[in-house]
Amino acid sequence: MSKGLPGPTASGSSRPDDPIMWLRCAILGDVTRVAVAGEVDLSNAHLLTELLESVATRTPLVAVDLSEVTFFGAYGTDALVRARRLLADRGGRLTLCRPAPVVRRVLDVTGTLAGFEVVDAPAPPNGHGRSARPVTIVRAGS
């Protein structure tokens, strides 16, 4: 690894242009399904926050599928807590569908797991069969 490049991510990728998180969103009637895959950390959790805040006004239920998350940091916890609060303020609900063990552990350690409705079943299907959209962090000057 050359000097000045970031070290490998939690998944082992050392290429700075490799996407580390994928997001997929579908609105089906009164349910919004958000699927998250890969790593949720300081560099990208704001994208999850923005997506969840955006869809919180569209349907009364947001189901977040976290089954394919491989790394989950404190900023991911903050994104989920903020979305849950925003939905509750508007009379809606946020459910966590099949959270990966790493997600459960972080939410449990931070004392926030009990505040979430956790469903150990898949989120409602997205109905489109499209693959997740990779999210690549673009740094200024790149």
N, C-alpha and C. Protein backbone atom coordinates (compact mmCIF):
# COMPACT_ATOMS: atom_id res chain seq x y z
N MET A 1 0.86 -1.17 0.00
CA MET A 1 0.00 0.00 0.00
C MET A 1 0.90 1.23 0.00
N SER A 2 0.59 2.17 -0.87
CA SER A 2 1.44 3.35 -0.95
C SER A 2 1.05 4.38 0.10
N LYS A 3 2.00 5.26 0.39
CA LYS A 3 1.78 6.30 1.39
C LYS A 3 0.66 7.23 0.96
N GLY A 4 -0.12 7.68 1.93
CA GLY A 4 -1.16 8.65 1.66
C GLY A 4 -2.50 8.04 1.31
N LEU A 5 -2.54 6.76 0.93
CA LEU A 5 -3.81 6.12 0.63
C LEU A 5 -4.39 5.56 1.92
N PRO A 6 -5.71 5.60 2.04
CA PRO A 6 -6.32 5.04 3.24
C PRO A 6 -6.08 3.54 3.31
N GLY A 7 -6.14 3.01 4.51
CA GLY A 7 -5.99 1.58 4.70
C GLY A 7 -7.23 0.85 4.26
N PRO A 8 -7.23 -0.46 4.35
CA PRO A 8 -8.39 -1.22 3.91
C PRO A 8 -9.62 -0.91 4.76
N THR A 9 -10.79 -1.06 4.16
CA THR A 9 -12.04 -0.88 4.88
C THR A 9 -12.29 -2.14 5.71
N ALA A 10 -13.36 -2.13 6.47
CA ALA A 10 -13.68 -3.29 7.30
C ALA A 10 -13.88 -4.54 6.46
N SER A 11 -14.32 -4.37 5.21
CA SER A 11 -14.52 -5.53 4.34
C SER A 11 -13.24 -6.00 3.68
N GLY A 12 -12.15 -5.23 3.83
CA GLY A 12 -10.87 -5.63 3.28
C GLY A 12 -10.49 -4.90 2.01
N SER A 13 -11.39 -4.09 1.46
CA SER A 13 -11.07 -3.36 0.23
C SER A 13 -10.09 -2.23 0.55
N SER A 14 -9.07 -2.10 -0.28
CA SER A 14 -8.11 -1.01 -0.07
C SER A 14 -8.19 0.04 -1.16
N ARG A 15 -9.09 -0.13 -2.10
CA ARG A 15 -9.25 0.85 -3.17
C ARG A 15 -10.18 1.96 -2.71
N PRO A 16 -9.76 3.21 -2.73
CA PRO A 16 -10.60 4.30 -2.24
C PRO A 16 -11.83 4.55 -3.10
N ASP A 17 -11.85 4.06 -4.34
CA ASP A 17 -13.01 4.29 -5.20
C ASP A 17 -13.99 3.13 -5.19
N ASP A 18 -13.72 2.07 -4.44
CA ASP A 18 -14.66 0.96 -4.33
C ASP A 18 -15.83 1.39 -3.47
N PRO A 19 -17.06 1.14 -3.93
CA PRO A 19 -18.21 1.46 -3.06
C PRO A 19 -18.18 0.54 -1.85
N ILE A 20 -18.50 1.09 -0.71
CA ILE A 20 -18.53 0.27 0.50
C ILE A 20 -19.94 0.12 1.04
N MET A 21 -20.89 0.89 0.51
CA MET A 21 -22.28 0.78 0.94
C MET A 21 -23.18 0.84 -0.29
N TRP A 22 -24.23 0.04 -0.26
CA TRP A 22 -25.24 0.06 -1.31
C TRP A 22 -26.58 0.34 -0.65
N LEU A 23 -27.38 1.17 -1.30
CA LEU A 23 -28.72 1.49 -0.82
C LEU A 23 -29.73 1.19 -1.92
N ARG A 24 -30.87 0.66 -1.52
CA ARG A 24 -31.96 0.43 -2.46
C ARG A 24 -33.23 0.90 -1.76
N CYS A 25 -34.09 1.58 -2.48
CA CYS A 25 -35.31 2.12 -1.90
C CYS A 25 -36.46 1.89 -2.85
N ALA A 26 -37.59 1.45 -2.32
CA ALA A 26 -38.80 1.27 -3.12
C ALA A 26 -39.99 1.64 -2.27
N ILE A 27 -40.92 2.36 -2.86
CA ILE A 27 -42.16 2.72 -2.17
C ILE A 27 -43.26 1.84 -2.75
N LEU A 28 -43.92 1.10 -1.87
CA LEU A 28 -44.98 0.18 -2.26
C LEU A 28 -46.23 0.52 -1.45
N GLY A 29 -47.10 1.31 -2.02
CA GLY A 29 -48.30 1.71 -1.30
C GLY A 29 -47.94 2.56 -0.09
N ASP A 30 -48.28 2.06 1.10
CA ASP A 30 -47.99 2.82 2.31
C ASP A 30 -46.74 2.35 3.06
N VAL A 31 -45.90 1.58 2.36
CA VAL A 31 -44.66 1.08 2.95
C VAL A 31 -43.48 1.50 2.08
N THR A 32 -42.44 2.01 2.71
CA THR A 32 -41.18 2.27 2.02
C THR A 32 -40.19 1.22 2.48
N ARG A 33 -39.58 0.54 1.53
CA ARG A 33 -38.56 -0.47 1.85
C ARG A 33 -37.20 0.11 1.50
N VAL A 34 -36.31 0.11 2.48
CA VAL A 34 -34.93 0.56 2.28
C VAL A 34 -34.03 -0.62 2.60
N ALA A 35 -33.21 -1.01 1.65
CA ALA A 35 -32.26 -2.09 1.87
C ALA A 35 -30.86 -1.50 1.93
N VAL A 36 -30.10 -1.92 2.92
CA VAL A 36 -28.74 -1.42 3.13
C VAL A 36 -27.80 -2.62 3.08
N ALA A 37 -26.71 -2.48 2.34
CA ALA A 37 -25.71 -3.55 2.26
C ALA A 37 -24.33 -2.94 2.37
N GLY A 38 -23.39 -3.71 2.92
CA GLY A 38 -22.01 -3.25 3.04
C GLY A 38 -21.75 -2.58 4.37
N GLU A 39 -20.89 -1.57 4.33
CA GLU A 39 -20.42 -0.91 5.54
C GLU A 39 -21.13 0.43 5.76
N VAL A 40 -21.60 0.65 6.98
CA VAL A 40 -22.20 1.93 7.35
C VAL A 40 -21.27 2.54 8.38
N ASP A 41 -20.58 3.62 7.98
CA ASP A 41 -19.59 4.21 8.88
C ASP A 41 -19.60 5.73 8.76
N LEU A 42 -18.63 6.37 9.35
CA LEU A 42 -18.50 7.83 9.36
C LEU A 42 -18.54 8.42 7.95
N SER A 43 -17.96 7.73 6.99
CA SER A 43 -17.84 8.29 5.64
C SER A 43 -19.14 8.28 4.85
N ASN A 44 -20.11 7.46 5.25
CA ASN A 44 -21.31 7.35 4.42
C ASN A 44 -22.64 7.33 5.16
N ALA A 45 -22.64 7.29 6.48
CA ALA A 45 -23.89 7.20 7.24
C ALA A 45 -24.81 8.39 6.95
N HIS A 46 -24.21 9.54 6.60
CA HIS A 46 -25.05 10.70 6.28
C HIS A 46 -25.94 10.43 5.07
N LEU A 47 -25.50 9.57 4.16
CA LEU A 47 -26.32 9.22 3.00
C LEU A 47 -27.53 8.40 3.42
N LEU A 48 -27.34 7.51 4.38
CA LEU A 48 -28.46 6.75 4.91
C LEU A 48 -29.41 7.69 5.65
N THR A 49 -28.86 8.61 6.43
CA THR A 49 -29.69 9.59 7.15
C THR A 49 -30.53 10.39 6.16
N GLU A 50 -29.90 10.90 5.11
CA GLU A 50 -30.62 11.72 4.12
C GLU A 50 -31.72 10.91 3.43
N LEU A 51 -31.43 9.67 3.09
CA LEU A 51 -32.43 8.83 2.44
C LEU A 51 -33.61 8.58 3.38
N LEU A 52 -33.32 8.21 4.62
CA LEU A 52 -34.40 7.92 5.57
C LEU A 52 -35.22 9.17 5.88
N GLU A 53 -34.56 10.32 6.01
CA GLU A 53 -35.31 11.56 6.25
C GLU A 53 -36.19 11.90 5.05
N SER A 54 -35.71 11.63 3.86
CA SER A 54 -36.46 11.91 2.64
C SER A 54 -37.71 11.05 2.55
N VAL A 55 -37.60 9.77 2.84
CA VAL A 55 -38.75 8.87 2.70
C VAL A 55 -39.69 8.92 3.89
N ALA A 56 -39.25 9.47 5.01
CA ALA A 56 -40.09 9.52 6.22
C ALA A 56 -41.36 10.32 6.00
N THR A 57 -41.37 11.21 5.04
CA THR A 57 -42.56 12.03 4.77
C THR A 57 -43.49 11.38 3.76
N ARG A 58 -43.10 10.27 3.16
CA ARG A 58 -43.89 9.70 2.06
C ARG A 58 -44.83 8.57 2.46
N THR A 59 -44.43 7.76 3.44
CA THR A 59 -45.28 6.63 3.85
C THR A 59 -45.24 6.51 5.37
N PRO A 60 -46.29 5.91 5.95
CA PRO A 60 -46.33 5.78 7.41
C PRO A 60 -45.42 4.70 7.96
N LEU A 61 -44.93 3.80 7.11
CA LEU A 61 -44.05 2.72 7.57
C LEU A 61 -42.80 2.68 6.69
N VAL A 62 -41.64 2.71 7.35
CA VAL A 62 -40.37 2.54 6.66
C VAL A 62 -39.73 1.27 7.22
N ALA A 63 -39.53 0.28 6.35
CA ALA A 63 -38.92 -0.99 6.73
C ALA A 63 -37.48 -0.99 6.21
N VAL A 64 -36.53 -1.06 7.13
CA VAL A 64 -35.11 -1.00 6.76
C VAL A 64 -34.51 -2.40 6.88
N ASP A 65 -34.14 -2.96 5.74
CA ASP A 65 -33.52 -4.29 5.70
C ASP A 65 -32.02 -4.13 5.91
N LEU A 66 -31.53 -4.66 7.02
CA LEU A 66 -30.11 -4.54 7.39
C LEU A 66 -29.41 -5.89 7.38
N SER A 67 -29.97 -6.84 6.66
CA SER A 67 -29.43 -8.20 6.69
C SER A 67 -28.09 -8.33 5.99
N GLU A 68 -27.76 -7.41 5.10
CA GLU A 68 -26.51 -7.51 4.35
C GLU A 68 -25.47 -6.48 4.78
N VAL A 69 -25.63 -5.94 5.98
CA VAL A 69 -24.65 -4.98 6.50
C VAL A 69 -23.48 -5.76 7.09
N THR A 70 -22.26 -5.38 6.70
CA THR A 70 -21.06 -6.08 7.16
C THR A 70 -20.28 -5.30 8.22
N PHE A 71 -20.52 -4.01 8.31
CA PHE A 71 -19.90 -3.18 9.34
C PHE A 71 -20.92 -2.10 9.69
N PHE A 72 -21.04 -1.80 10.99
CA PHE A 72 -22.04 -0.82 11.43
C PHE A 72 -21.44 -0.02 12.57
N GLY A 73 -21.21 1.26 12.32
CA GLY A 73 -20.63 2.13 13.33
C GLY A 73 -21.67 2.98 14.04
N ALA A 74 -21.20 3.81 14.95
CA ALA A 74 -22.07 4.67 15.74
C ALA A 74 -22.87 5.63 14.88
N TYR A 75 -22.31 6.06 13.76
CA TYR A 75 -23.03 6.98 12.88
C TYR A 75 -24.23 6.29 12.23
N GLY A 76 -24.14 5.00 12.03
CA GLY A 76 -25.29 4.24 11.54
C GLY A 76 -26.39 4.20 12.57
N THR A 77 -26.00 4.03 13.83
CA THR A 77 -26.96 4.06 14.92
C THR A 77 -27.68 5.40 14.95
N ASP A 78 -26.91 6.48 14.82
CA ASP A 78 -27.50 7.82 14.82
C ASP A 78 -28.49 7.98 13.67
N ALA A 79 -28.16 7.48 12.50
CA ALA A 79 -29.06 7.58 11.34
C ALA A 79 -30.40 6.90 11.63
N LEU A 80 -30.34 5.71 12.23
CA LEU A 80 -31.57 4.98 12.54
C LEU A 80 -32.37 5.65 13.64
N VAL A 81 -31.70 6.14 14.68
CA VAL A 81 -32.39 6.81 15.79
C VAL A 81 -33.08 8.07 15.28
N ARG A 82 -32.40 8.85 14.46
CA ARG A 82 -33.00 10.08 13.92
C ARG A 82 -34.23 9.76 13.07
N ALA A 83 -34.12 8.75 12.23
CA ALA A 83 -35.25 8.38 11.37
C ALA A 83 -36.42 7.88 12.21
N ARG A 84 -36.14 7.07 13.21
CA ARG A 84 -37.21 6.56 14.09
C ARG A 84 -37.93 7.72 14.76
N ARG A 85 -37.17 8.68 15.26
CA ARG A 85 -37.75 9.84 15.94
C ARG A 85 -38.60 10.68 14.97
N LEU A 86 -38.07 10.92 13.78
CA LEU A 86 -38.78 11.71 12.78
C LEU A 86 -40.10 11.03 12.39
N LEU A 87 -40.05 9.73 12.16
CA LEU A 87 -41.27 9.01 11.80
C LEU A 87 -42.27 9.02 12.95
N ALA A 88 -41.80 8.81 14.17
CA ALA A 88 -42.70 8.81 15.33
C ALA A 88 -43.37 10.18 15.49
N ASP A 89 -42.62 11.26 15.27
CA ASP A 89 -43.18 12.61 15.36
C ASP A 89 -44.29 12.83 14.34
N ARG A 90 -44.23 12.10 13.23
CA ARG A 90 -45.23 12.24 12.17
C ARG A 90 -46.28 11.13 12.21
N GLY A 91 -46.26 10.34 13.28
CA GLY A 91 -47.24 9.27 13.43
C GLY A 91 -46.89 8.01 12.66
N GLY A 92 -45.65 7.89 12.19
CA GLY A 92 -45.21 6.73 11.43
C GLY A 92 -44.39 5.77 12.26
N ARG A 93 -43.89 4.73 11.59
CA ARG A 93 -43.08 3.70 12.25
C ARG A 93 -41.87 3.37 11.41
N LEU A 94 -40.80 3.00 12.10
CA LEU A 94 -39.59 2.49 11.46
C LEU A 94 -39.38 1.08 11.99
N THR A 95 -39.23 0.12 11.10
CA THR A 95 -38.92 -1.24 11.53
C THR A 95 -37.57 -1.64 10.97
N LEU A 96 -36.85 -2.43 11.72
CA LEU A 96 -35.57 -2.98 11.28
C LEU A 96 -35.82 -4.44 10.92
N CYS A 97 -35.55 -4.78 9.67
CA CYS A 97 -35.80 -6.14 9.19
C CYS A 97 -34.50 -6.92 9.13
N ARG A 98 -34.50 -8.03 9.81
CA ARG A 98 -33.37 -8.97 9.84
C ARG A 98 -32.02 -8.29 10.01
N PRO A 99 -31.84 -7.49 11.06
CA PRO A 99 -30.53 -6.84 11.21
C PRO A 99 -29.41 -7.88 11.35
N ALA A 100 -28.33 -7.64 10.63
CA ALA A 100 -27.16 -8.51 10.71
C ALA A 100 -26.64 -8.53 12.14
N PRO A 101 -25.94 -9.59 12.53
CA PRO A 101 -25.41 -9.66 13.89
C PRO A 101 -24.60 -8.43 14.30
N VAL A 102 -23.81 -7.87 13.38
CA VAL A 102 -23.01 -6.70 13.72
C VAL A 102 -23.90 -5.50 14.04
N VAL A 103 -25.03 -5.38 13.36
CA VAL A 103 -25.96 -4.28 13.63
C VAL A 103 -26.62 -4.48 15.00
N ARG A 104 -27.09 -5.70 15.25
CA ARG A 104 -27.70 -6.00 16.56
C ARG A 104 -26.73 -5.70 17.69
N ARG A 105 -25.48 -6.11 17.51
CA ARG A 105 -24.50 -5.92 18.57
C ARG A 105 -24.28 -4.44 18.87
N VAL A 106 -24.10 -3.63 17.84
CA VAL A 106 -23.86 -2.19 18.06
C VAL A 106 -25.09 -1.54 18.68
N LEU A 107 -26.27 -1.87 18.19
CA LEU A 107 -27.48 -1.29 18.77
C LEU A 107 -27.67 -1.74 20.22
N ASP A 108 -27.32 -2.99 20.51
CA ASP A 108 -27.44 -3.50 21.88
C ASP A 108 -26.44 -2.81 22.80
N VAL A 109 -25.18 -2.71 22.37
CA VAL A 109 -24.13 -2.09 23.19
C VAL A 109 -24.46 -0.62 23.48
N THR A 110 -25.06 0.06 22.50
CA THR A 110 -25.38 1.48 22.68
C THR A 110 -26.69 1.69 23.44
N GLY A 111 -27.39 0.60 23.74
CA GLY A 111 -28.64 0.70 24.49
C GLY A 111 -29.82 1.17 23.65
N THR A 112 -29.69 1.13 22.34
CA THR A 112 -30.77 1.62 21.48
C THR A 112 -31.61 0.51 20.86
N LEU A 113 -31.17 -0.72 20.94
CA LEU A 113 -31.89 -1.83 20.30
C LEU A 113 -33.32 -1.93 20.81
N ALA A 114 -33.52 -1.79 22.11
CA ALA A 114 -34.86 -1.93 22.69
C ALA A 114 -35.84 -0.89 22.17
N GLY A 115 -35.35 0.22 21.66
CA GLY A 115 -36.22 1.26 21.14
C GLY A 115 -36.71 1.03 19.73
N PHE A 116 -36.25 -0.04 19.10
CA PHE A 116 -36.62 -0.33 17.72
C PHE A 116 -37.56 -1.51 17.64
N GLU A 117 -38.44 -1.47 16.66
CA GLU A 117 -39.26 -2.62 16.32
C GLU A 117 -38.40 -3.47 15.37
N VAL A 118 -38.05 -4.67 15.81
CA VAL A 118 -37.19 -5.56 15.02
C VAL A 118 -38.03 -6.71 14.49
N VAL A 119 -37.95 -6.92 13.19
CA VAL A 119 -38.71 -7.98 12.53
C VAL A 119 -37.69 -8.94 11.93
N ASP A 120 -37.79 -10.21 12.30
CA ASP A 120 -36.85 -11.19 11.78
C ASP A 120 -37.39 -11.88 10.54
N ALA A 121 -37.99 -11.09 9.69
CA ALA A 121 -38.49 -11.56 8.39
C ALA A 121 -37.99 -10.57 7.35
N PRO A 122 -37.96 -10.98 6.10
CA PRO A 122 -37.52 -10.03 5.06
C PRO A 122 -38.44 -8.82 5.00
N ALA A 123 -37.87 -7.69 4.60
CA ALA A 123 -38.68 -6.50 4.35
C ALA A 123 -39.58 -6.79 3.16
N PRO A 124 -40.68 -6.07 3.04
CA PRO A 124 -41.53 -6.30 1.86
C PRO A 124 -40.69 -6.18 0.59
N PRO A 125 -40.99 -7.02 -0.42
CA PRO A 125 -40.19 -6.98 -1.65
C PRO A 125 -40.29 -5.62 -2.32
N ASN A 126 -39.24 -5.29 -3.08
CA ASN A 126 -39.25 -3.99 -3.73
C ASN A 126 -40.04 -3.99 -5.02
N GLY A 127 -40.40 -5.14 -5.52
CA GLY A 127 -41.26 -5.22 -6.67
C GLY A 127 -40.60 -4.88 -8.00
N HIS A 128 -39.34 -4.49 -7.98
CA HIS A 128 -38.69 -4.11 -9.22
C HIS A 128 -37.59 -5.07 -9.65
N GLY A 129 -37.07 -5.85 -8.74
CA GLY A 129 -36.01 -6.78 -9.05
C GLY A 129 -34.70 -6.12 -9.43
N ARG A 130 -34.54 -4.85 -9.15
CA ARG A 130 -33.30 -4.14 -9.47
C ARG A 130 -32.26 -4.39 -8.39
N SER A 131 -31.03 -4.36 -8.78
CA SER A 131 -29.97 -4.54 -7.79
C SER A 131 -29.74 -3.22 -7.05
N ALA A 132 -29.06 -3.31 -5.95
CA ALA A 132 -28.78 -2.13 -5.14
C ALA A 132 -27.89 -1.16 -5.89
N ARG A 133 -28.04 0.11 -5.60
CA ARG A 133 -27.21 1.15 -6.22
C ARG A 133 -25.98 1.35 -5.36
N PRO A 134 -24.78 1.18 -5.92
CA PRO A 134 -23.58 1.40 -5.11
C PRO A 134 -23.44 2.88 -4.77
N VAL A 135 -23.00 3.13 -3.57
CA VAL A 135 -22.73 4.48 -3.12
C VAL A 135 -21.23 4.62 -2.97
N THR A 136 -20.64 5.45 -3.77
CA THR A 136 -19.20 5.68 -3.71
C THR A 136 -18.94 7.07 -3.15
N ILE A 137 -18.08 7.16 -2.17
CA ILE A 137 -17.73 8.42 -1.57
C ILE A 137 -16.80 9.15 -2.53
N VAL A 138 -17.16 10.34 -2.91
CA VAL A 138 -16.32 11.14 -3.80
C VAL A 138 -15.68 12.24 -2.95
N ARG A 139 -14.39 12.25 -2.92
CA ARG A 139 -13.67 13.24 -2.13
C ARG A 139 -13.36 14.47 -2.98
N ALA A 140 -13.40 15.63 -2.37
CA ALA A 140 -13.09 16.87 -3.10
C ALA A 140 -11.72 16.77 -3.73
N GLY A 141 -11.62 17.22 -4.96
CA GLY A 141 -10.34 17.21 -5.64
C GLY A 141 -10.01 15.90 -6.30
N SER A 142 -10.92 14.92 -6.23
CA SER A 142 -10.66 13.60 -6.84
C SER A 142 -10.96 13.66 -8.31
